[in-house]
Amino acid sequence: MAGRWLGTLAVVPQTHSSSGSSDQVPVIAVASGKGGVGKSTVAVNLALALHVQGGRVGLVDADLYGPDVPRMLGLRRKREASSVTLFAAKGGPGSRLEVVERHGIQVASAAFLLGENQGLGIQGGIAQLMVRRLITDAAWEGVGCLVVDLPPGTADIQQFVFGLGSRPVFVVVVVTPQVIAHQDARRLIADLRRHSVVSVGGVENMSGQICPSCGERTELFPPAPPEESIWGLVPRLASMPFSARAARDADQGLPVMVTGAVPELAEAYEALAGELQRRIGEADAAEA
């Protein structure tokens, strides 16, 4: 693992104006049944891990009502917007949404349209159209896959992404150990069966806490009983321990895949990225 971390890059975010299409690029949708399980943290570090392994990755912040991905990457917009242009004529000004490159990955988010204390109050149908723009109308530059951070649950935005018919969609379900997170995730997995998506597996986040002094791992939550967990429905791809150091760094816009400060976590994300690529390759081969 030595020498493979991205490092803390002091870069000026750059916007791209490529007109290349991303219509056939596969989507890795990071989903959860409920909020508060660390789904966005997983999505950000997964995208960075895929980049470390040589991928050209786009990260879509599809949680329109809580678009936190940019801040997790150290990108903030404090100036409030007086208006927001959600749609524009194809080929005209504003027809392609801004993409910002950070730590080697490209990011598209509704947070780039608003001040960080402003909310985006739009209804379900408009929200779906906005997410479609983030996925298909953003100025992506040669990406090979899109990691999409979904809102929690199974509402309008999720239904749109799960129903994308023009590209393969692979879903990763994020839970924490406790039974309530698994209960809601089971609802999500049941809903996935209605769609033509590949449920790749699950990630157990906050699976224990790493002691900053001795490195010993202790449980944070009692585990869900086997008969109520999701592990009988989907394979467990990775278990991510909680680290106070990683949490503090993340609040400063420095994900663990950038700092490498908690090797156990960074190694787990790299293993997750490798396992995802393997399973996606198997799914593609089965479709061929």
C-alpha atoms as a PDB file:
ATOM      1  CA  MET A   1       0.000   0.000   0.000  1.00  0.00           C
ATOM      2  CA  ALA A   2       2.950   2.352   0.472  1.00  0.00           C
ATOM      3  CA  GLY A   3       3.096   5.203  -1.994  1.00  0.00           C
ATOM      4  CA  ARG A   4      -0.395   4.585  -3.384  1.00  0.00           C
ATOM      5  CA  TRP A   5      -2.277   7.284  -1.493  1.00  0.00           C
ATOM      6  CA  LEU A   6      -3.506  10.253  -3.473  1.00  0.00           C
ATOM      7  CA  GLY A   7      -2.008  12.701  -1.023  1.00  0.00           C
ATOM      8  CA  THR A   8      -3.468  16.038   0.019  1.00  0.00           C
ATOM      9  CA  LEU A   9      -3.549  17.867  -3.280  1.00  0.00           C
ATOM     10  CA  ALA A  10      -3.519  21.647  -3.277  1.00  0.00           C
ATOM     11  CA  VAL A  11      -5.308  22.017  -6.598  1.00  0.00           C
ATOM     12  CA  VAL A  12      -7.534  24.681  -8.061  1.00  0.00           C
ATOM     13  CA  PRO A  13     -10.830  23.068  -9.161  1.00  0.00           C
ATOM     14  CA  GLN A  14     -11.183  23.139 -12.932  1.00  0.00           C
ATOM     15  CA  THR A  15     -14.383  22.985 -14.944  1.00  0.00           C
ATOM     16  CA  HIS A  16     -14.542  20.995 -18.151  1.00  0.00           C
ATOM     17  CA  SER A  17     -16.519  21.768 -21.268  1.00  0.00           C
ATOM     18  CA  SER A  18     -16.251  18.460 -23.106  1.00  0.00           C
ATOM     19  CA  SER A  19     -19.287  17.634 -25.234  1.00  0.00           C
ATOM     20  CA  GLY A  20     -18.626  13.881 -25.070  1.00  0.00           C
ATOM     21  CA  SER A  21     -21.588  11.634 -24.293  1.00  0.00           C
ATOM     22  CA  SER A  22     -21.806   9.521 -21.150  1.00  0.00           C
ATOM     23  CA  ASP A  23     -25.023   7.756 -22.172  1.00  0.00           C
ATOM     24  CA  GLN A  24     -23.515   4.256 -22.074  1.00  0.00           C
ATOM     25  CA  VAL A  25     -21.231   4.681 -19.071  1.00  0.00           C
ATOM     26  CA  PRO A  26     -22.148   2.210 -16.293  1.00  0.00           C
ATOM     27  CA  VAL A  27     -23.609   3.578 -13.076  1.00  0.00           C
ATOM     28  CA  ILE A  28     -22.601   2.373  -9.604  1.00  0.00           C
ATOM     29  CA  ALA A  29     -25.486   3.577  -7.428  1.00  0.00           C
ATOM     30  CA  VAL A  30     -24.649   3.828  -3.727  1.00  0.00           C
ATOM     31  CA  ALA A  31     -27.956   3.460  -1.877  1.00  0.00           C
ATOM     32  CA  SER A  32     -29.320   3.009   1.635  1.00  0.00           C
ATOM     33  CA  GLY A  33     -32.669   2.285   3.214  1.00  0.00           C
ATOM     34  CA  LYS A  34     -32.281   5.070   5.767  1.00  0.00           C
ATOM     35  CA  GLY A  35     -30.170   8.142   6.394  1.00  0.00           C
ATOM     36  CA  GLY A  36     -27.284   8.433   8.807  1.00  0.00           C
ATOM     37  CA  VAL A  37     -25.442   5.270   7.748  1.00  0.00           C
ATOM     38  CA  GLY A  38     -22.510   7.046   6.074  1.00  0.00           C
ATOM     39  CA  LYS A  39     -23.635   6.412   2.498  1.00  0.00           C
ATOM     40  CA  SER A  40     -22.105   9.610   1.103  1.00  0.00           C
ATOM     41  CA  THR A  41     -18.799   8.869   2.850  1.00  0.00           C
ATOM     42  CA  VAL A  42     -18.774   5.439   1.203  1.00  0.00           C
ATOM     43  CA  ALA A  43     -19.637   6.922  -2.211  1.00  0.00           C
ATOM     44  CA  VAL A  44     -16.854   9.531  -2.039  1.00  0.00           C
ATOM     45  CA  ASN A  45     -14.154   7.107  -0.917  1.00  0.00           C
ATOM     46  CA  LEU A  46     -15.307   4.411  -3.353  1.00  0.00           C
ATOM     47  CA  ALA A  47     -14.965   6.865  -6.242  1.00  0.00           C
ATOM     48  CA  LEU A  48     -11.481   7.825  -5.047  1.00  0.00           C
ATOM     49  CA  ALA A  49     -10.490   4.162  -4.650  1.00  0.00           C
ATOM     50  CA  LEU A  50     -11.639   3.384  -8.189  1.00  0.00           C
ATOM     51  CA  HIS A  51      -9.504   6.305  -9.372  1.00  0.00           C
ATOM     52  CA  VAL A  52      -6.462   4.999  -7.446  1.00  0.00           C
ATOM     53  CA  GLN A  53      -6.918   1.705  -9.300  1.00  0.00           C
ATOM     54  CA  GLY A  54      -6.697   3.489 -12.632  1.00  0.00           C
ATOM     55  CA  GLY A  55     -10.310   4.383 -13.388  1.00  0.00           C
ATOM     56  CA  ARG A  56     -11.550   7.630 -14.899  1.00  0.00           C
ATOM     57  CA  VAL A  57     -14.428   8.258 -12.489  1.00  0.00           C
ATOM     58  CA  GLY A  58     -17.335  10.659 -12.301  1.00  0.00           C
ATOM     59  CA  LEU A  59     -19.132  11.205  -8.978  1.00  0.00           C
ATOM     60  CA  VAL A  60     -22.772  12.330  -9.124  1.00  0.00           C
ATOM     61  CA  ASP A  61     -24.257  13.882  -5.995  1.00  0.00           C
ATOM     62  CA  ALA A  62     -27.895  12.886  -6.575  1.00  0.00           C
ATOM     63  CA  ASP A  63     -29.052  13.721  -3.045  1.00  0.00           C
ATOM     64  CA  LEU A  64     -30.545  17.029  -4.174  1.00  0.00           C
ATOM     65  CA  TYR A  65     -32.027  17.918  -0.801  1.00  0.00           C
ATOM     66  CA  GLY A  66     -28.775  17.340   1.103  1.00  0.00           C
ATOM     67  CA  PRO A  67     -25.923  17.635  -1.442  1.00  0.00           C
ATOM     68  CA  ASP A  68     -22.948  17.120   0.849  1.00  0.00           C
ATOM     69  CA  VAL A  69     -20.470  15.450  -1.508  1.00  0.00           C
ATOM     70  CA  PRO A  70     -18.679  18.683  -2.544  1.00  0.00           C
ATOM     71  CA  ARG A  71     -17.979  19.682   1.046  1.00  0.00           C
ATOM     72  CA  MET A  72     -16.641  16.202   1.774  1.00  0.00           C
ATOM     73  CA  LEU A  73     -14.115  16.932  -0.980  1.00  0.00           C
ATOM     74  CA  GLY A  74     -13.269  20.415   0.293  1.00  0.00           C
ATOM     75  CA  LEU A  75     -15.466  22.260  -2.222  1.00  0.00           C
ATOM     76  CA  ARG A  76     -17.754  24.967  -0.821  1.00  0.00           C
ATOM     77  CA  ARG A  77     -19.911  27.695  -2.326  1.00  0.00           C
ATOM     78  CA  LYS A  78     -20.851  30.325   0.253  1.00  0.00           C
ATOM     79  CA  ARG A  79     -22.233  32.912  -2.178  1.00  0.00           C
ATOM     80  CA  GLU A  80     -25.993  32.511  -2.404  1.00  0.00           C
ATOM     81  CA  ALA A  81     -27.694  32.228  -5.793  1.00  0.00           C
ATOM     82  CA  SER A  82     -30.467  34.692  -6.659  1.00  0.00           C
ATOM     83  CA  SER A  83     -31.899  32.238  -9.186  1.00  0.00           C
ATOM     84  CA  VAL A  84     -31.231  28.749 -10.525  1.00  0.00           C
ATOM     85  CA  THR A  85     -31.573  27.693 -14.162  1.00  0.00           C
ATOM     86  CA  LEU A  86     -32.571  24.037 -13.977  1.00  0.00           C
ATOM     87  CA  PHE A  87     -32.960  23.495 -17.718  1.00  0.00           C
ATOM     88  CA  ALA A  88     -31.720  25.075 -20.929  1.00  0.00           C
ATOM     89  CA  ALA A  89     -32.095  24.448 -24.649  1.00  0.00           C
ATOM     90  CA  LYS A  90     -29.662  21.827 -25.929  1.00  0.00           C
ATOM     91  CA  GLY A  91     -26.506  23.475 -27.219  1.00  0.00           C
ATOM     92  CA  GLY A  92     -27.389  26.804 -25.644  1.00  0.00           C
ATOM     93  CA  PRO A  93     -25.804  28.632 -22.699  1.00  0.00           C
ATOM     94  CA  GLY A  94     -26.123  26.578 -19.527  1.00  0.00           C
ATOM     95  CA  SER A  95     -27.134  23.428 -21.394  1.00  0.00           C
ATOM     96  CA  ARG A  96     -24.271  21.482 -19.791  1.00  0.00           C
ATOM     97  CA  LEU A  97     -23.885  21.432 -16.029  1.00  0.00           C
ATOM     98  CA  GLU A  98     -20.591  22.289 -14.386  1.00  0.00           C
ATOM     99  CA  VAL A  99     -18.232  19.474 -13.506  1.00  0.00           C
ATOM    100  CA  VAL A 100     -15.422  20.130 -11.019  1.00  0.00           C
ATOM    101  CA  GLU A 101     -12.329  17.941 -10.805  1.00  0.00           C
ATOM    102  CA  ARG A 102     -10.991  17.203  -7.338  1.00  0.00           C
ATOM    103  CA  HIS A 103      -8.349  14.666  -6.292  1.00  0.00           C
ATOM    104  CA  GLY A 104      -8.523  13.117  -9.744  1.00  0.00           C
ATOM    105  CA  ILE A 105     -12.295  12.497  -9.879  1.00  0.00           C
ATOM    106  CA  GLN A 106     -14.946  14.596 -11.607  1.00  0.00           C
ATOM    107  CA  VAL A 107     -17.903  15.782  -9.523  1.00  0.00           C
ATOM    108  CA  ALA A 108     -21.376  17.018 -10.502  1.00  0.00           C
ATOM    109  CA  SER A 109     -23.719  18.287  -7.791  1.00  0.00           C
ATOM    110  CA  ALA A 110     -26.703  20.560  -7.236  1.00  0.00           C
ATOM    111  CA  ALA A 111     -24.552  22.159  -4.532  1.00  0.00           C
ATOM    112  CA  PHE A 112     -22.655  23.972  -7.297  1.00  0.00           C
ATOM    113  CA  LEU A 113     -25.869  25.846  -8.181  1.00  0.00           C
ATOM    114  CA  LEU A 114     -26.658  27.199  -4.694  1.00  0.00           C
ATOM    115  CA  GLY A 115     -25.076  28.704  -1.622  1.00  0.00           C
ATOM    116  CA  GLU A 116     -24.317  26.078   1.007  1.00  0.00           C
ATOM    117  CA  ASN A 117     -27.119  27.334   3.293  1.00  0.00           C
ATOM    118  CA  GLN A 118     -29.746  27.402   0.542  1.00  0.00           C
ATOM    119  CA  GLY A 119     -32.184  24.561  -0.053  1.00  0.00           C
ATOM    120  CA  LEU A 120     -33.433  23.232  -3.384  1.00  0.00           C
ATOM    121  CA  GLY A 121     -37.214  23.060  -2.949  1.00  0.00           C
ATOM    122  CA  ILE A 122     -38.405  21.117  -5.998  1.00  0.00           C
ATOM    123  CA  GLN A 123     -41.042  18.431  -6.426  1.00  0.00           C
ATOM    124  CA  GLY A 124     -40.458  14.803  -7.380  1.00  0.00           C
ATOM    125  CA  GLY A 125     -40.865  15.068 -11.154  1.00  0.00           C
ATOM    126  CA  ILE A 126     -38.527  18.061 -11.402  1.00  0.00           C
ATOM    127  CA  ALA A 127     -36.066  16.310  -9.082  1.00  0.00           C
ATOM    128  CA  GLN A 128     -35.945  13.342 -11.461  1.00  0.00           C
ATOM    129  CA  LEU A 129     -35.248  15.645 -14.408  1.00  0.00           C
ATOM    130  CA  MET A 130     -32.523  17.404 -12.443  1.00  0.00           C
ATOM    131  CA  VAL A 131     -30.814  14.100 -11.651  1.00  0.00           C
ATOM    132  CA  ARG A 132     -31.066  13.114 -15.309  1.00  0.00           C
ATOM    133  CA  ARG A 133     -29.181  16.316 -16.149  1.00  0.00           C
ATOM    134  CA  LEU A 134     -26.513  15.586 -13.547  1.00  0.00           C
ATOM    135  CA  ILE A 135     -25.968  12.136 -15.042  1.00  0.00           C
ATOM    136  CA  THR A 136     -26.342  12.780 -18.773  1.00  0.00           C
ATOM    137  CA  ASP A 137     -25.942  16.535 -19.315  1.00  0.00           C
ATOM    138  CA  ALA A 138     -22.944  17.277 -17.111  1.00  0.00           C
ATOM    139  CA  ALA A 139     -19.682  18.128 -18.864  1.00  0.00           C
ATOM    140  CA  TRP A 140     -18.001  14.782 -18.200  1.00  0.00           C
ATOM    141  CA  GLU A 141     -14.513  14.343 -19.607  1.00  0.00           C
ATOM    142  CA  GLY A 142     -13.942  10.757 -20.748  1.00  0.00           C
ATOM    143  CA  VAL A 143     -15.288   9.007 -17.642  1.00  0.00           C
ATOM    144  CA  GLY A 144     -15.425   5.207 -17.563  1.00  0.00           C
ATOM    145  CA  CYS A 145     -18.038   4.921 -14.823  1.00  0.00           C
ATOM    146  CA  LEU A 146     -20.296   7.114 -12.700  1.00  0.00           C
ATOM    147  CA  VAL A 147     -20.611   6.602  -8.952  1.00  0.00           C
ATOM    148  CA  VAL A 148     -24.027   8.016  -7.985  1.00  0.00           C
ATOM    149  CA  ASP A 149     -24.673   8.974  -4.356  1.00  0.00           C
ATOM    150  CA  LEU A 150     -28.440   8.503  -3.934  1.00  0.00           C
ATOM    151  CA  PRO A 151     -30.704   9.923  -1.235  1.00  0.00           C
ATOM    152  CA  PRO A 152     -31.835   7.362   1.345  1.00  0.00           C
ATOM    153  CA  GLY A 153     -34.983   5.355   0.690  1.00  0.00           C
ATOM    154  CA  THR A 154     -36.906   4.420  -2.455  1.00  0.00           C
ATOM    155  CA  ALA A 155     -38.551   7.669  -3.606  1.00  0.00           C
ATOM    156  CA  ASP A 156     -38.635   9.503  -6.959  1.00  0.00           C
ATOM    157  CA  ILE A 157     -34.898  10.045  -7.492  1.00  0.00           C
ATOM    158  CA  GLN A 158     -34.044   6.444  -6.692  1.00  0.00           C
ATOM    159  CA  GLN A 159     -36.800   5.146  -8.975  1.00  0.00           C
ATOM    160  CA  PHE A 160     -35.405   7.219 -11.836  1.00  0.00           C
ATOM    161  CA  VAL A 161     -31.830   5.978 -11.370  1.00  0.00           C
ATOM    162  CA  PHE A 162     -32.907   2.348 -10.892  1.00  0.00           C
ATOM    163  CA  GLY A 163     -34.982   2.663 -14.061  1.00  0.00           C
ATOM    164  CA  LEU A 164     -32.189   3.910 -16.319  1.00  0.00           C
ATOM    165  CA  GLY A 165     -32.590   1.701 -19.349  1.00  0.00           C
ATOM    166  CA  SER A 166     -29.793   2.887 -21.608  1.00  0.00           C
ATOM    167  CA  ARG A 167     -26.883   1.808 -19.394  1.00  0.00           C
ATOM    168  CA  PRO A 168     -26.015  -0.890 -16.833  1.00  0.00           C
ATOM    169  CA  VAL A 169     -26.829   0.040 -13.225  1.00  0.00           C
ATOM    170  CA  PHE A 170     -25.074  -1.693 -10.321  1.00  0.00           C
ATOM    171  CA  VAL A 171     -26.361  -1.035  -6.792  1.00  0.00           C
ATOM    172  CA  VAL A 172     -24.343  -1.086  -3.574  1.00  0.00           C
ATOM    173  CA  VAL A 173     -26.434  -1.008  -0.380  1.00  0.00           C
ATOM    174  CA  VAL A 174     -24.925   0.672   2.693  1.00  0.00           C
ATOM    175  CA  VAL A 175     -26.010  -0.298   6.219  1.00  0.00           C
ATOM    176  CA  THR A 176     -24.755  -0.016   9.776  1.00  0.00           C
ATOM    177  CA  PRO A 177     -24.866  -3.076  12.036  1.00  0.00           C
ATOM    178  CA  GLN A 178     -28.060  -2.254  13.961  1.00  0.00           C
ATOM    179  CA  VAL A 179     -31.343  -3.929  13.098  1.00  0.00           C
ATOM    180  CA  ILE A 180     -33.232  -0.759  12.056  1.00  0.00           C
ATOM    181  CA  ALA A 181     -30.704  -0.014   9.308  1.00  0.00           C
ATOM    182  CA  HIS A 182     -31.041  -3.594   8.058  1.00  0.00           C
ATOM    183  CA  GLN A 183     -34.839  -3.465   8.189  1.00  0.00           C
ATOM    184  CA  ASP A 184     -34.970  -0.405   5.942  1.00  0.00           C
ATOM    185  CA  ALA A 185     -32.291  -1.844   3.665  1.00  0.00           C
ATOM    186  CA  ARG A 186     -34.387  -4.998   3.219  1.00  0.00           C
ATOM    187  CA  ARG A 187     -37.205  -2.773   1.952  1.00  0.00           C
ATOM    188  CA  LEU A 188     -34.795  -1.198  -0.516  1.00  0.00           C
ATOM    189  CA  ILE A 189     -33.541  -4.591  -1.719  1.00  0.00           C
ATOM    190  CA  ALA A 190     -37.134  -5.763  -2.218  1.00  0.00           C
ATOM    191  CA  ASP A 191     -37.796  -2.690  -4.357  1.00  0.00           C
ATOM    192  CA  LEU A 192     -34.695  -3.367  -6.462  1.00  0.00           C
ATOM    193  CA  ARG A 193     -36.256  -6.614  -7.656  1.00  0.00           C
ATOM    194  CA  ARG A 194     -38.738  -4.575  -9.687  1.00  0.00           C
ATOM    195  CA  HIS A 195     -35.954  -3.020 -11.750  1.00  0.00           C
ATOM    196  CA  SER A 196     -33.387  -4.201 -14.280  1.00  0.00           C
ATOM    197  CA  VAL A 197     -30.436  -3.470 -12.016  1.00  0.00           C
ATOM    198  CA  VAL A 198     -27.676  -5.654 -10.607  1.00  0.00           C
ATOM    199  CA  SER A 199     -27.621  -5.639  -6.809  1.00  0.00           C
ATOM    200  CA  VAL A 200     -23.896  -6.141  -6.372  1.00  0.00           C
ATOM    201  CA  GLY A 201     -23.868  -6.404  -2.587  1.00  0.00           C
ATOM    202  CA  GLY A 202     -23.745  -4.510   0.680  1.00  0.00           C
ATOM    203  CA  VAL A 203     -21.274  -2.501   2.716  1.00  0.00           C
ATOM    204  CA  GLU A 204     -21.453  -2.514   6.497  1.00  0.00           C
ATOM    205  CA  ASN A 205     -20.337   0.914   7.660  1.00  0.00           C
ATOM    206  CA  MET A 206     -19.372   1.774  11.252  1.00  0.00           C
ATOM    207  CA  SER A 207     -18.866  -1.933  11.872  1.00  0.00           C
ATOM    208  CA  GLY A 208     -16.771  -1.118  14.937  1.00  0.00           C
ATOM    209  CA  GLN A 209     -14.588   1.669  16.285  1.00  0.00           C
ATOM    210  CA  ILE A 210     -10.810   1.771  15.956  1.00  0.00           C
ATOM    211  CA  CYS A 211      -9.207   2.912  19.198  1.00  0.00           C
ATOM    212  CA  PRO A 212      -6.846   5.820  18.381  1.00  0.00           C
ATOM    213  CA  SER A 213      -4.458   4.726  21.144  1.00  0.00           C
ATOM    214  CA  CYS A 214      -4.119   0.955  20.828  1.00  0.00           C
ATOM    215  CA  GLY A 215      -5.784   0.260  17.472  1.00  0.00           C
ATOM    216  CA  GLU A 216      -8.194  -2.289  18.955  1.00  0.00           C
ATOM    217  CA  ARG A 217     -11.635  -2.476  17.364  1.00  0.00           C
ATOM    218  CA  THR A 218     -14.753  -2.400  19.569  1.00  0.00           C
ATOM    219  CA  GLU A 219     -18.419  -2.673  18.579  1.00  0.00           C
ATOM    220  CA  LEU A 220     -20.465   0.525  18.298  1.00  0.00           C
ATOM    221  CA  PHE A 221     -23.838  -1.160  17.738  1.00  0.00           C
ATOM    222  CA  PRO A 222     -25.316  -4.557  18.530  1.00  0.00           C
ATOM    223  CA  PRO A 223     -25.487  -6.546  15.279  1.00  0.00           C
ATOM    224  CA  ALA A 224     -28.796  -7.296  13.594  1.00  0.00           C
ATOM    225  CA  PRO A 225     -30.042 -10.864  14.143  1.00  0.00           C
ATOM    226  CA  PRO A 226     -29.175 -13.046  11.140  1.00  0.00           C
ATOM    227  CA  GLU A 227     -32.826 -13.568  10.226  1.00  0.00           C
ATOM    228  CA  GLU A 228     -33.369  -9.779  10.069  1.00  0.00           C
ATOM    229  CA  SER A 229     -30.105  -8.756   8.405  1.00  0.00           C
ATOM    230  CA  ILE A 230     -29.546  -8.207   4.686  1.00  0.00           C
ATOM    231  CA  TRP A 231     -26.691 -10.714   4.499  1.00  0.00           C
ATOM    232  CA  GLY A 232     -28.992 -13.528   3.524  1.00  0.00           C
ATOM    233  CA  LEU A 233     -30.125 -11.419   0.555  1.00  0.00           C
ATOM    234  CA  VAL A 234     -26.890  -9.837  -0.723  1.00  0.00           C
ATOM    235  CA  PRO A 235     -23.190 -10.585  -0.186  1.00  0.00           C
ATOM    236  CA  ARG A 236     -21.192  -8.472   2.244  1.00  0.00           C
ATOM    237  CA  LEU A 237     -18.582  -6.712   0.112  1.00  0.00           C
ATOM    238  CA  ALA A 238     -16.797  -4.828   2.899  1.00  0.00           C
ATOM    239  CA  SER A 239     -16.968  -3.811   6.547  1.00  0.00           C
ATOM    240  CA  MET A 240     -15.829  -0.285   7.339  1.00  0.00           C
ATOM    241  CA  PRO A 241     -14.809   0.551  10.928  1.00  0.00           C
ATOM    242  CA  PHE A 242     -15.514   3.987  12.388  1.00  0.00           C
ATOM    243  CA  SER A 243     -12.495   6.199  12.987  1.00  0.00           C
ATOM    244  CA  ALA A 244     -12.653   9.512  14.850  1.00  0.00           C
ATOM    245  CA  ARG A 245      -9.526  10.644  12.958  1.00  0.00           C
ATOM    246  CA  ALA A 246     -11.151   9.920   9.594  1.00  0.00           C
ATOM    247  CA  ALA A 247     -14.342  11.692  10.698  1.00  0.00           C
ATOM    248  CA  ARG A 248     -12.429  14.829  11.730  1.00  0.00           C
ATOM    249  CA  ASP A 249     -10.495  14.868   8.459  1.00  0.00           C
ATOM    250  CA  ALA A 250     -13.692  14.376   6.450  1.00  0.00           C
ATOM    251  CA  ASP A 251     -15.223  17.464   8.084  1.00  0.00           C
ATOM    252  CA  GLN A 252     -12.244  19.386   6.685  1.00  0.00           C
ATOM    253  CA  GLY A 253     -12.855  18.058   3.168  1.00  0.00           C
ATOM    254  CA  LEU A 254     -10.143  15.395   3.361  1.00  0.00           C
ATOM    255  CA  PRO A 255     -11.492  11.859   2.778  1.00  0.00           C
ATOM    256  CA  VAL A 256      -9.501   8.953   4.135  1.00  0.00           C
ATOM    257  CA  MET A 257      -8.616   7.846   0.588  1.00  0.00           C
ATOM    258  CA  VAL A 258      -6.840  11.195   0.192  1.00  0.00           C
ATOM    259  CA  THR A 259      -5.044  11.342   3.539  1.00  0.00           C
ATOM    260  CA  GLY A 260      -4.302   7.644   4.055  1.00  0.00           C
ATOM    261  CA  ALA A 261      -4.344   8.474   7.775  1.00  0.00           C
ATOM    262  CA  VAL A 262      -6.286   5.328   8.718  1.00  0.00           C
ATOM    263  CA  PRO A 263      -4.725   2.484   6.703  1.00  0.00           C
ATOM    264  CA  GLU A 264      -7.381  -0.066   7.752  1.00  0.00           C
ATOM    265  CA  LEU A 265     -10.108   2.102   6.208  1.00  0.00           C
ATOM    266  CA  ALA A 266      -8.194   3.010   3.070  1.00  0.00           C
ATOM    267  CA  GLU A 267      -7.307  -0.640   2.463  1.00  0.00           C
ATOM    268  CA  ALA A 268     -10.967  -1.608   2.942  1.00  0.00           C
ATOM    269  CA  TYR A 269     -12.072   0.923   0.322  1.00  0.00           C
ATOM    270  CA  GLU A 270      -9.469  -0.297  -2.151  1.00  0.00           C
ATOM    271  CA  ALA A 271     -10.607  -3.871  -1.556  1.00  0.00           C
ATOM    272  CA  LEU A 272     -14.223  -2.778  -2.084  1.00  0.00           C
ATOM    273  CA  ALA A 273     -13.312  -1.073  -5.367  1.00  0.00           C
ATOM    274  CA  GLY A 274     -11.487  -4.171  -6.572  1.00  0.00           C
ATOM    275  CA  GLU A 275     -14.349  -6.480  -5.604  1.00  0.00           C
ATOM    276  CA  LEU A 276     -16.864  -4.224  -7.335  1.00  0.00           C
ATOM    277  CA  GLN A 277     -14.840  -4.192 -10.524  1.00  0.00           C
ATOM    278  CA  ARG A 278     -14.583  -7.987 -10.415  1.00  0.00           C
ATOM    279  CA  ARG A 279     -18.317  -8.483  -9.907  1.00  0.00           C
ATOM    280  CA  ILE A 280     -19.222  -5.927 -12.568  1.00  0.00           C
ATOM    281  CA  GLY A 281     -16.875  -7.679 -14.970  1.00  0.00           C
ATOM    282  CA  GLU A 282     -18.592 -10.994 -14.237  1.00  0.00           C
ATOM    283  CA  ALA A 283     -22.016  -9.425 -14.822  1.00  0.00           C
ATOM    284  CA  ASP A 284     -20.852  -7.938 -18.119  1.00  0.00           C
ATOM    285  CA  ALA A 285     -19.445 -11.314 -19.215  1.00  0.00           C
ATOM    286  CA  ALA A 286     -22.735 -13.024 -18.352  1.00  0.00           C
ATOM    287  CA  GLU A 287     -24.626 -10.491 -20.472  1.00  0.00           C
ATOM    288  CA  ALA A 288     -22.305 -10.946 -23.463  1.00  0.00           C
END
